[in-house]
Amino acid sequence: MNSRRTFIKQASIAAAGAMILPSFACSSSASAADKTVGLQLYSLREQLPKDVRGTIAKVAQAGYKEVETYGYSLKDKFWGLDPKSFKALLDENGLTVPSGHYGMDLFMGTGNQDELKTYIEAANIIGSKYVVVPYLGDSLRGGEDQWKKLAAKLNEAAQLCKAGGLNVGYHNHNFEFDKIGETTGYEILLNNTDPKAVDFEMDLYWVVRSGNDPLKLFKEHPGRFPMWHVKDMDKADNTINTEVGSGSINFKNIYADAKQAGLKHLIVEQENFSLDPFVSIKQSADYIKKDIL
């Protein structure tokens, strides 16, 4: 968690399943490898800057078909690759990139659109559908009125992105579930954003860790969660991630409500490892394909 906060601040079941989720479509005779699983590349934040080409190749070799980016900036691009070059690298490895995390504190805090416009341009070049707000700095958070202002900013960002052919998403941690009277920041965002324009990328780990129930949120806000971050919770220490299927979160139960949630993209993310990271991400992908999708 701390490393993620620091980074963001600095860098600013089969046929039935196919009918429910087109992006996971597979026939009963299809192999597990045909099932689509994504990876949030932040999981490999130590490896990517050292060898972006080799790392992306290993992600594909681990069985992933989609990736989600993080950390793009005009200065550093995608780990030194401009958007066109990065798109070519993804194409070489049979990967698509439906979404990306882009540091949005400047826009969310001041309304300055300059940075966001560069994100829209880059996202379009690499073929994304979503620009996702990954985190909110401490200074942006506050009481109910402040969260309503943030909701208004999300609506504004959604209009800018829509003009660029994209959608906006919001990724949660656990601070959004802190009580503000009888409500929470997350509920304020959900209730004060346009459901046709602002989507939510539910990080299941953080929802469960905060003591909340993803299924309850799916029921209360159907169709708002087209993207999920799937990372498991260590059975002994809930502050640590572990390989999907090895921890305490019942993903099968959650996935049973995928249609109500509106799920389109299932994205693995892991912030710490006890195994070699490439072994770990393959283990998570294999489990999801075999036991969840």
Protein backbone atom coordinates (compact mmCIF):
# COMPACT_ATOMS: atom_id res chain seq x y z
CA MET A 1 0.00 0.00 0.00
CA ASN A 2 2.67 2.47 0.96
CA SER A 3 4.65 1.81 -2.20
CA ARG A 4 1.54 2.32 -4.31
CA ARG A 5 0.70 5.58 -2.59
CA THR A 6 4.22 6.79 -3.00
CA PHE A 7 4.30 5.87 -6.66
CA ILE A 8 0.99 7.52 -7.48
CA LYS A 9 1.97 10.65 -5.70
CA GLN A 10 5.22 10.78 -7.51
CA ALA A 11 4.20 9.71 -10.97
CA SER A 12 1.03 11.61 -10.12
CA ILE A 13 -18.76 -20.68 -15.74
CA ALA A 14 -18.42 -22.19 -19.48
CA ALA A 15 -21.15 -21.49 -22.04
CA ALA A 16 -23.20 -19.58 -19.47
CA GLY A 17 -20.19 -17.50 -18.73
CA ALA A 18 -19.79 -16.79 -22.42
CA MET A 19 -23.33 -15.46 -22.68
CA ILE A 20 -22.86 -13.29 -19.64
CA LEU A 21 -19.51 -11.83 -20.48
CA PRO A 22 -18.58 -11.45 -24.15
CA SER A 23 -15.01 -10.48 -23.30
CA PHE A 24 -14.60 -13.82 -21.55
CA ALA A 25 -16.40 -15.72 -24.33
CA CYS A 26 -15.37 -19.30 -24.85
CA SER A 27 -17.14 -22.39 -26.14
CA SER A 28 -17.46 -25.49 -23.98
CA SER A 29 -14.73 -27.08 -26.06
CA ALA A 30 -12.35 -24.13 -25.81
CA SER A 31 -9.18 -24.44 -23.84
CA ALA A 32 -8.48 -22.45 -20.70
CA ALA A 33 -5.98 -20.40 -22.68
CA ASP A 34 -8.88 -18.83 -24.62
CA LYS A 35 -10.26 -17.23 -21.47
CA THR A 36 -9.28 -13.61 -21.13
CA VAL A 37 -7.46 -12.45 -18.03
CA GLY A 38 -5.75 -9.10 -17.65
CA LEU A 39 -2.81 -7.94 -15.59
CA GLN A 40 -2.29 -4.55 -14.01
CA LEU A 41 1.32 -3.87 -14.92
CA TYR A 42 1.91 -2.14 -11.60
CA SER A 43 2.38 -5.69 -10.32
CA LEU A 44 5.70 -5.67 -12.21
CA ARG A 45 6.77 -2.13 -11.37
CA GLU A 46 10.28 -3.28 -10.43
CA GLN A 47 10.83 -5.24 -13.64
CA LEU A 48 9.33 -2.92 -16.28
CA PRO A 49 11.75 0.00 -16.03
CA LYS A 50 14.70 -2.38 -16.35
CA ASP A 51 13.42 -4.41 -19.32
CA VAL A 52 10.08 -3.33 -20.72
CA ARG A 53 10.26 -5.57 -23.79
CA GLY A 54 11.28 -8.69 -21.89
CA THR A 55 8.73 -8.07 -19.15
CA ILE A 56 5.84 -7.62 -21.59
CA ALA A 57 6.86 -10.82 -23.40
CA LYS A 58 6.83 -12.72 -20.09
CA VAL A 59 3.36 -11.37 -19.26
CA ALA A 60 2.06 -12.85 -22.52
CA GLN A 61 3.91 -16.11 -21.85
CA ALA A 62 2.18 -16.29 -18.45
CA GLY A 63 -1.18 -16.53 -20.22
CA TYR A 64 -2.45 -12.97 -20.18
CA LYS A 65 -4.27 -11.41 -23.13
CA GLU A 66 -4.87 -7.97 -21.67
CA VAL A 67 -2.80 -5.55 -19.64
CA GLU A 68 -3.61 -2.38 -17.76
CA THR A 69 -1.01 0.36 -17.75
CA TYR A 70 0.06 2.74 -15.02
CA GLY A 71 2.29 5.74 -14.64
CA TYR A 72 2.27 7.25 -18.12
CA SER A 73 3.69 10.74 -18.40
CA LEU A 74 4.80 12.95 -21.27
CA LYS A 75 8.33 12.84 -19.90
CA ASP A 76 8.81 9.11 -19.35
CA LYS A 77 6.09 7.76 -21.68
CA PHE A 78 5.45 4.03 -21.16
CA TRP A 79 8.76 3.01 -19.58
CA GLY A 80 10.68 4.91 -22.20
CA LEU A 81 8.48 3.90 -25.13
CA ASP A 82 6.22 6.43 -26.82
CA PRO A 83 2.58 5.30 -27.20
CA LYS A 84 3.00 4.10 -30.81
CA SER A 85 6.08 2.04 -29.91
CA PHE A 86 4.38 0.61 -26.83
CA LYS A 87 1.32 -0.33 -28.91
CA ALA A 88 3.61 -2.10 -31.40
CA LEU A 89 5.22 -4.03 -28.53
CA LEU A 90 1.81 -5.11 -27.23
CA ASP A 91 0.77 -6.18 -30.74
CA GLU A 92 3.93 -8.26 -31.09
CA ASN A 93 2.94 -10.15 -27.95
CA GLY A 94 -0.78 -10.53 -28.69
CA LEU A 95 -1.81 -8.16 -25.92
CA THR A 96 -4.49 -5.50 -25.78
CA VAL A 97 -4.76 -2.70 -23.24
CA PRO A 98 -8.41 -1.86 -22.46
CA SER A 99 -7.57 0.48 -19.60
CA GLY A 100 -4.85 2.43 -17.91
CA HIS A 101 -4.20 4.11 -14.58
CA TYR A 102 -3.24 7.75 -15.01
CA GLY A 103 -2.25 10.11 -12.19
CA MET A 104 -5.23 12.46 -11.93
CA ASP A 105 -4.56 14.51 -8.81
CA LEU A 106 -3.89 17.68 -10.81
CA PHE A 107 -7.21 17.52 -12.62
CA MET A 108 -9.19 16.33 -9.60
CA GLY A 109 -7.70 19.07 -7.45
CA THR A 110 -7.63 22.06 -9.78
CA GLY A 111 -9.62 21.17 -12.89
CA ASN A 112 -6.55 21.78 -15.06
CA GLN A 113 -7.19 19.73 -18.21
CA ASP A 114 -3.75 19.82 -19.82
CA GLU A 115 -2.40 16.60 -18.32
CA LEU A 116 -5.67 14.74 -18.81
CA LYS A 117 -5.66 15.65 -22.51
CA THR A 118 -2.25 14.01 -22.91
CA TYR A 119 -3.65 10.88 -21.25
CA ILE A 120 -6.59 10.80 -23.65
CA GLU A 121 -4.22 11.08 -26.60
CA ALA A 122 -1.95 8.30 -25.34
CA ALA A 123 -4.87 6.03 -24.41
CA ASN A 124 -6.31 6.34 -27.89
CA ILE A 125 -3.00 5.54 -29.56
CA ILE A 126 -2.56 2.33 -27.56
CA GLY A 127 -6.20 1.32 -28.14
CA SER A 128 -7.64 1.72 -24.67
CA LYS A 129 -11.27 2.22 -23.70
CA TYR A 130 -10.82 3.58 -20.20
CA VAL A 131 -8.82 6.27 -18.44
CA VAL A 132 -8.88 5.24 -14.79
CA VAL A 133 -8.33 7.41 -11.72
CA PRO A 134 -6.07 5.15 -9.66
CA TYR A 135 -5.80 7.01 -6.37
CA LEU A 136 -6.61 10.26 -4.61
CA GLY A 137 -3.89 12.05 -2.68
CA ASP A 138 -4.54 12.86 0.98
CA SER A 139 -4.98 16.56 0.27
CA LEU A 140 -7.91 15.86 -2.06
CA ARG A 141 -9.98 14.03 0.54
CA GLY A 142 -12.28 15.56 3.12
CA GLY A 143 -15.87 15.63 4.24
CA GLU A 144 -19.08 15.09 2.32
CA ASP A 145 -18.84 18.36 0.39
CA GLN A 146 -15.31 17.57 -0.78
CA TRP A 147 -16.35 14.12 -2.00
CA LYS A 148 -19.23 15.73 -3.91
CA LYS A 149 -16.73 18.06 -5.57
CA LEU A 150 -14.65 15.04 -6.54
CA ALA A 151 -17.76 13.42 -8.01
CA ALA A 152 -18.35 16.57 -10.07
CA LYS A 153 -14.76 16.39 -11.31
CA LEU A 154 -15.29 12.76 -12.37
CA ASN A 155 -18.37 13.83 -14.34
CA GLU A 156 -16.31 16.57 -15.98
CA ALA A 157 -13.49 14.15 -16.80
CA ALA A 158 -16.05 11.77 -18.27
CA GLN A 159 -17.24 14.45 -20.70
CA LEU A 160 -13.69 15.22 -21.79
CA CYS A 161 -12.94 11.55 -22.26
CA LYS A 162 -16.22 10.95 -24.09
CA ALA A 163 -15.28 13.66 -26.58
CA GLY A 164 -12.08 11.68 -27.12
CA GLY A 165 -13.92 8.39 -27.57
CA LEU A 166 -13.05 7.06 -24.11
CA ASN A 167 -14.68 6.30 -20.76
CA VAL A 168 -13.61 7.26 -17.26
CA GLY A 169 -13.18 4.77 -14.45
CA TYR A 170 -12.45 5.10 -10.74
CA HIS A 171 -10.30 2.59 -8.85
CA ASN A 172 -10.77 2.28 -5.09
CA HIS A 173 -8.52 1.57 -2.16
CA ASN A 174 -9.95 1.35 1.36
CA PHE A 175 -10.04 5.00 2.44
CA GLU A 176 -13.15 5.54 0.28
CA PHE A 177 -15.05 3.37 2.77
CA ASP A 178 -14.25 5.48 5.84
CA LYS A 179 -17.50 6.67 7.41
CA ILE A 180 -18.63 10.25 6.78
CA GLY A 181 -21.70 10.49 8.96
CA GLU A 182 -24.09 7.87 7.59
CA THR A 183 -22.33 7.52 4.24
CA THR A 184 -18.87 7.00 2.74
CA GLY A 185 -16.79 8.65 0.07
CA TYR A 186 -17.41 5.68 -2.21
CA GLU A 187 -21.18 5.96 -1.87
CA ILE A 188 -20.98 9.68 -2.56
CA LEU A 189 -19.02 9.06 -5.74
CA LEU A 190 -21.43 6.34 -6.87
CA ASN A 191 -24.51 8.42 -6.10
CA ASN A 192 -23.26 11.69 -7.55
CA THR A 193 -21.71 10.56 -10.83
CA ASP A 194 -23.50 9.89 -14.10
CA PRO A 195 -24.00 6.11 -14.29
CA LYS A 196 -23.87 6.33 -18.09
CA ALA A 197 -20.55 8.14 -18.07
CA VAL A 198 -18.52 7.18 -15.00
CA ASP A 199 -17.56 3.56 -14.42
CA PHE A 200 -15.91 1.97 -11.40
CA GLU A 201 -13.03 -0.44 -11.32
CA MET A 202 -13.65 -2.38 -8.14
CA ASP A 203 -10.56 -3.52 -6.32
CA LEU A 204 -12.02 -6.55 -4.58
CA TYR A 205 -9.13 -6.87 -2.13
CA TRP A 206 -9.60 -3.37 -0.77
CA VAL A 207 -13.40 -3.71 -0.57
CA VAL A 208 -13.09 -6.92 1.45
CA ARG A 209 -10.25 -5.56 3.59
CA SER A 210 -12.36 -2.50 4.45
CA GLY A 211 -15.09 -4.81 5.79
CA ASN A 212 -17.50 -4.30 2.91
CA ASP A 213 -19.31 -6.79 0.66
CA PRO A 214 -18.79 -6.56 -3.12
CA LEU A 215 -22.07 -8.41 -3.72
CA LYS A 216 -23.99 -5.78 -1.77
CA LEU A 217 -22.44 -3.03 -3.87
CA PHE A 218 -23.26 -4.90 -7.10
CA LYS A 219 -26.90 -5.15 -6.00
CA GLU A 220 -27.15 -1.52 -4.97
CA HIS A 221 -25.35 -0.19 -8.05
CA PRO A 222 -25.94 -2.69 -10.88
CA GLY A 223 -23.81 -2.36 -13.97
CA ARG A 224 -21.41 0.17 -12.49
CA PHE A 225 -18.41 -2.16 -12.17
CA PRO A 226 -17.20 -3.26 -15.63
CA MET A 227 -13.66 -3.77 -14.37
CA TRP A 228 -12.40 -5.68 -11.34
CA HIS A 229 -9.01 -5.85 -9.73
CA VAL A 230 -8.56 -9.42 -8.53
CA LYS A 231 -5.92 -9.84 -5.88
CA ASP A 232 -6.16 -12.25 -2.98
CA MET A 233 -5.70 -11.62 0.72
CA ASP A 234 -3.11 -13.57 2.66
CA LYS A 235 -4.81 -15.83 5.21
CA ALA A 236 -2.40 -14.94 8.00
CA ASP A 237 -1.87 -11.24 7.29
CA ASN A 238 -4.63 -9.25 5.62
CA THR A 239 -2.22 -6.47 4.72
CA ILE A 240 -0.41 -8.76 2.27
CA ASN A 241 -1.52 -9.91 -1.18
CA THR A 242 -1.09 -13.48 -2.30
CA GLU A 243 -1.71 -15.47 -5.48
CA VAL A 244 -5.37 -15.63 -6.52
CA GLY A 245 -6.88 -18.82 -5.12
CA SER A 246 -4.33 -19.08 -2.31
CA GLY A 247 -5.88 -16.55 0.04
CA SER A 248 -9.06 -15.86 1.96
CA ILE A 249 -11.28 -14.15 -0.63
CA ASN A 250 -14.06 -16.26 -2.20
CA PHE A 251 -13.75 -15.14 -5.81
CA LYS A 252 -16.06 -17.89 -7.10
CA ASN A 253 -18.88 -16.48 -4.99
CA ILE A 254 -18.18 -12.95 -6.18
CA TYR A 255 -17.93 -13.99 -9.84
CA ALA A 256 -21.37 -15.59 -9.62
CA ASP A 257 -22.72 -12.00 -9.61
CA ALA A 258 -20.55 -10.82 -12.51
CA LYS A 259 -23.57 -10.11 -14.73
CA GLN A 260 -25.17 -7.83 -12.16
CA ALA A 261 -21.89 -6.01 -11.67
CA GLY A 262 -21.55 -5.46 -15.41
CA LEU A 263 -18.12 -7.09 -15.53
CA LYS A 264 -16.17 -6.87 -18.79
CA HIS A 265 -12.52 -6.99 -17.72
CA LEU A 266 -11.02 -9.10 -14.94
CA ILE A 267 -7.59 -7.78 -14.03
CA VAL A 268 -5.07 -9.43 -11.73
CA GLU A 269 -3.02 -7.18 -9.52
CA GLN A 270 -0.52 -8.08 -6.83
CA GLU A 271 1.48 -5.59 -4.81
CA ASN A 272 3.89 -7.93 -3.01
CA PHE A 273 5.31 -11.36 -3.71
CA SER A 274 6.70 -14.36 -1.84
CA LEU A 275 7.30 -16.15 -5.16
CA ASP A 276 9.14 -15.09 -8.27
CA PRO A 277 6.73 -12.48 -9.71
CA PHE A 278 6.45 -14.21 -13.10
CA VAL A 279 5.70 -17.56 -11.43
CA SER A 280 3.15 -15.79 -9.25
CA ILE A 281 1.26 -14.04 -12.02
CA LYS A 282 1.07 -17.27 -14.02
CA GLN A 283 -0.30 -19.11 -10.98
CA SER A 284 -3.02 -16.49 -10.55
CA ALA A 285 -3.95 -16.55 -14.25
CA ASP A 286 -4.06 -20.36 -14.32
CA TYR A 287 -6.34 -20.48 -11.25
CA ILE A 288 -8.73 -17.89 -12.65
CA LYS A 289 -9.06 -19.67 -16.00
CA LYS A 290 -9.52 -23.09 -14.43
CA ASP A 291 -11.61 -22.33 -11.37
CA ILE A 292 -13.39 -19.01 -11.86
CA LEU A 293 -14.10 -18.24 -15.52
